[in-house]
């Protein structure tokens, strides 16, 4: 999620066909909130949730 050419790019590339369990989403948010400046990463996670299906787990 930190590098534009990294994992986030792959998620956006396959948008609509990917599913993320709620526990993984929670881990992403928890990890971001541990950072000194989480704002940019929180925005990226929010954008990701618009591009993937969220699975109840």
N, C-alpha and C. Protein backbone atom coordinates (compact mmCIF):
# COMPACT_ATOMS: atom_id res chain seq x y z
N UNK A 1 0.81 -1.19 0.00
CA UNK A 1 0.00 0.00 0.00
C UNK A 1 0.86 1.26 0.00
N UNK A 2 2.13 1.14 0.32
CA UNK A 2 2.96 2.32 0.44
C UNK A 2 3.53 2.78 -0.90
N UNK A 3 3.69 1.85 -1.85
CA UNK A 3 4.31 2.21 -3.13
C UNK A 3 3.27 2.15 -4.24
N UNK A 4 3.17 3.17 -5.09
CA UNK A 4 2.18 3.16 -6.16
C UNK A 4 2.32 1.97 -7.10
N UNK A 5 3.53 1.50 -7.35
CA UNK A 5 3.73 0.38 -8.25
C UNK A 5 3.66 -0.96 -7.57
N UNK A 6 3.34 -0.98 -6.30
CA UNK A 6 3.33 -2.21 -5.52
C UNK A 6 1.98 -2.90 -5.50
N UNK A 7 1.66 -3.44 -4.37
CA UNK A 7 0.45 -4.24 -4.20
C UNK A 7 -0.82 -3.44 -4.49
N UNK A 8 -0.87 -2.20 -4.08
CA UNK A 8 -2.06 -1.38 -4.33
C UNK A 8 -2.37 -1.31 -5.82
N UNK A 9 -1.33 -1.13 -6.63
CA UNK A 9 -1.53 -1.07 -8.08
C UNK A 9 -2.16 -2.37 -8.59
N UNK A 10 -1.71 -3.49 -8.07
CA UNK A 10 -2.27 -4.78 -8.51
C UNK A 10 -3.74 -4.90 -8.13
N UNK A 11 -4.11 -4.42 -6.95
CA UNK A 11 -5.51 -4.44 -6.54
C UNK A 11 -6.35 -3.59 -7.48
N UNK A 12 -5.89 -2.39 -7.78
CA UNK A 12 -6.65 -1.50 -8.65
C UNK A 12 -6.71 -2.05 -10.08
N UNK A 13 -5.67 -2.71 -10.50
CA UNK A 13 -5.62 -3.30 -11.84
C UNK A 13 -6.71 -4.36 -12.01
N UNK A 14 -7.00 -5.10 -10.95
CA UNK A 14 -7.98 -6.18 -11.02
C UNK A 14 -9.26 -5.80 -10.29
N UNK A 15 -9.51 -4.52 -10.14
CA UNK A 15 -10.69 -4.04 -9.42
C UNK A 15 -11.97 -4.69 -9.91
N UNK A 16 -12.84 -4.99 -8.96
CA UNK A 16 -14.11 -5.62 -9.30
C UNK A 16 -14.04 -7.13 -9.25
N UNK A 17 -12.85 -7.69 -9.31
CA UNK A 17 -12.71 -9.14 -9.30
C UNK A 17 -12.05 -9.66 -8.03
N UNK A 18 -11.70 -8.77 -7.13
CA UNK A 18 -11.01 -9.19 -5.93
C UNK A 18 -11.91 -9.04 -4.72
N UNK A 19 -11.66 -9.92 -3.73
CA UNK A 19 -12.41 -9.89 -2.50
C UNK A 19 -11.45 -9.83 -1.33
N UNK A 20 -11.78 -9.04 -0.33
CA UNK A 20 -10.93 -8.88 0.84
C UNK A 20 -11.77 -9.21 2.07
N UNK A 21 -11.32 -10.16 2.89
CA UNK A 21 -12.04 -10.46 4.13
C UNK A 21 -12.00 -9.27 5.09
N UNK A 22 -13.02 -9.12 5.89
CA UNK A 22 -13.08 -8.01 6.84
C UNK A 22 -11.89 -8.02 7.79
N UNK A 23 -11.40 -9.19 8.16
CA UNK A 23 -10.27 -9.26 9.09
C UNK A 23 -9.02 -8.65 8.45
N UNK A 24 -8.84 -8.86 7.15
CA UNK A 24 -7.69 -8.28 6.44
C UNK A 24 -7.85 -6.76 6.37
N UNK A 25 -9.06 -6.32 6.11
CA UNK A 25 -9.31 -4.87 6.08
C UNK A 25 -9.02 -4.25 7.45
N UNK A 26 -9.44 -4.93 8.50
CA UNK A 26 -9.17 -4.43 9.86
C UNK A 26 -7.67 -4.37 10.13
N UNK A 27 -6.93 -5.36 9.67
CA UNK A 27 -5.47 -5.37 9.85
C UNK A 27 -4.82 -4.21 9.09
N UNK A 28 -5.32 -3.92 7.90
CA UNK A 28 -4.78 -2.79 7.13
C UNK A 28 -4.99 -1.48 7.88
N UNK A 29 -6.21 -1.29 8.39
CA UNK A 29 -6.49 -0.07 9.15
C UNK A 29 -5.67 0.00 10.43
N UNK A 30 -5.55 -1.11 11.14
CA UNK A 30 -4.78 -1.13 12.38
C UNK A 30 -3.32 -0.79 12.12
N UNK A 31 -2.75 -1.37 11.07
CA UNK A 31 -1.36 -1.09 10.72
C UNK A 31 -1.16 0.36 10.33
N UNK A 32 -2.10 0.91 9.58
CA UNK A 32 -1.99 2.31 9.16
C UNK A 32 -2.05 3.24 10.36
N UNK A 33 -2.90 2.95 11.31
CA UNK A 33 -3.07 3.82 12.47
C UNK A 33 -1.86 3.81 13.41
N UNK A 34 -0.98 2.84 13.25
CA UNK A 34 0.25 2.78 14.05
C UNK A 34 1.33 3.72 13.52
N UNK A 35 1.16 4.19 12.30
CA UNK A 35 2.15 5.07 11.69
C UNK A 35 2.07 6.48 12.27
N UNK A 36 3.19 7.18 12.28
CA UNK A 36 3.18 8.57 12.77
C UNK A 36 2.27 9.48 11.92
N UNK A 37 2.23 9.24 10.63
CA UNK A 37 1.39 10.03 9.72
C UNK A 37 0.58 9.07 8.84
N UNK A 38 -0.54 8.59 9.33
CA UNK A 38 -1.29 7.56 8.61
C UNK A 38 -2.23 8.07 7.52
N UNK A 39 -2.38 9.38 7.38
CA UNK A 39 -3.41 9.92 6.50
C UNK A 39 -3.36 9.39 5.07
N UNK A 40 -2.20 9.40 4.46
CA UNK A 40 -2.08 8.96 3.06
C UNK A 40 -2.47 7.50 2.90
N UNK A 41 -2.02 6.67 3.84
CA UNK A 41 -2.33 5.25 3.77
C UNK A 41 -3.81 4.99 4.06
N UNK A 42 -4.40 5.74 4.97
CA UNK A 42 -5.83 5.59 5.24
C UNK A 42 -6.67 5.94 4.01
N UNK A 43 -6.24 6.95 3.28
CA UNK A 43 -6.94 7.30 2.03
C UNK A 43 -6.81 6.16 1.02
N UNK A 44 -5.62 5.58 0.91
CA UNK A 44 -5.40 4.48 -0.03
C UNK A 44 -6.26 3.27 0.35
N UNK A 45 -6.37 2.98 1.63
CA UNK A 45 -7.21 1.87 2.07
C UNK A 45 -8.68 2.16 1.75
N UNK A 46 -9.09 3.38 1.99
CA UNK A 46 -10.46 3.77 1.68
C UNK A 46 -10.75 3.61 0.19
N UNK A 47 -9.81 4.01 -0.65
CA UNK A 47 -9.97 3.85 -2.10
C UNK A 47 -10.03 2.38 -2.47
N UNK A 48 -9.24 1.57 -1.81
CA UNK A 48 -9.23 0.14 -2.06
C UNK A 48 -10.60 -0.47 -1.77
N UNK A 49 -11.25 -0.03 -0.70
CA UNK A 49 -12.55 -0.61 -0.35
C UNK A 49 -13.63 -0.30 -1.39
N UNK A 50 -13.40 0.73 -2.19
CA UNK A 50 -14.36 1.03 -3.27
C UNK A 50 -14.12 0.15 -4.49
N UNK A 51 -12.95 -0.46 -4.56
CA UNK A 51 -12.56 -1.24 -5.74
C UNK A 51 -12.68 -2.76 -5.56
N UNK A 52 -12.84 -3.23 -4.33
CA UNK A 52 -12.90 -4.67 -4.07
C UNK A 52 -14.18 -4.99 -3.30
N UNK A 53 -14.56 -6.25 -3.35
CA UNK A 53 -15.70 -6.71 -2.54
C UNK A 53 -15.17 -7.08 -1.16
N UNK A 54 -15.91 -6.68 -0.14
CA UNK A 54 -15.53 -6.99 1.24
C UNK A 54 -16.34 -8.21 1.68
N UNK A 55 -15.62 -9.23 2.13
CA UNK A 55 -16.25 -10.47 2.58
C UNK A 55 -16.40 -10.48 4.08
N UNK A 56 -17.57 -10.89 4.56
CA UNK A 56 -17.72 -11.10 6.00
C UNK A 56 -16.92 -12.32 6.40
N UNK A 57 -16.24 -12.20 7.52
CA UNK A 57 -15.46 -13.38 7.98
C UNK A 57 -15.69 -13.63 9.43
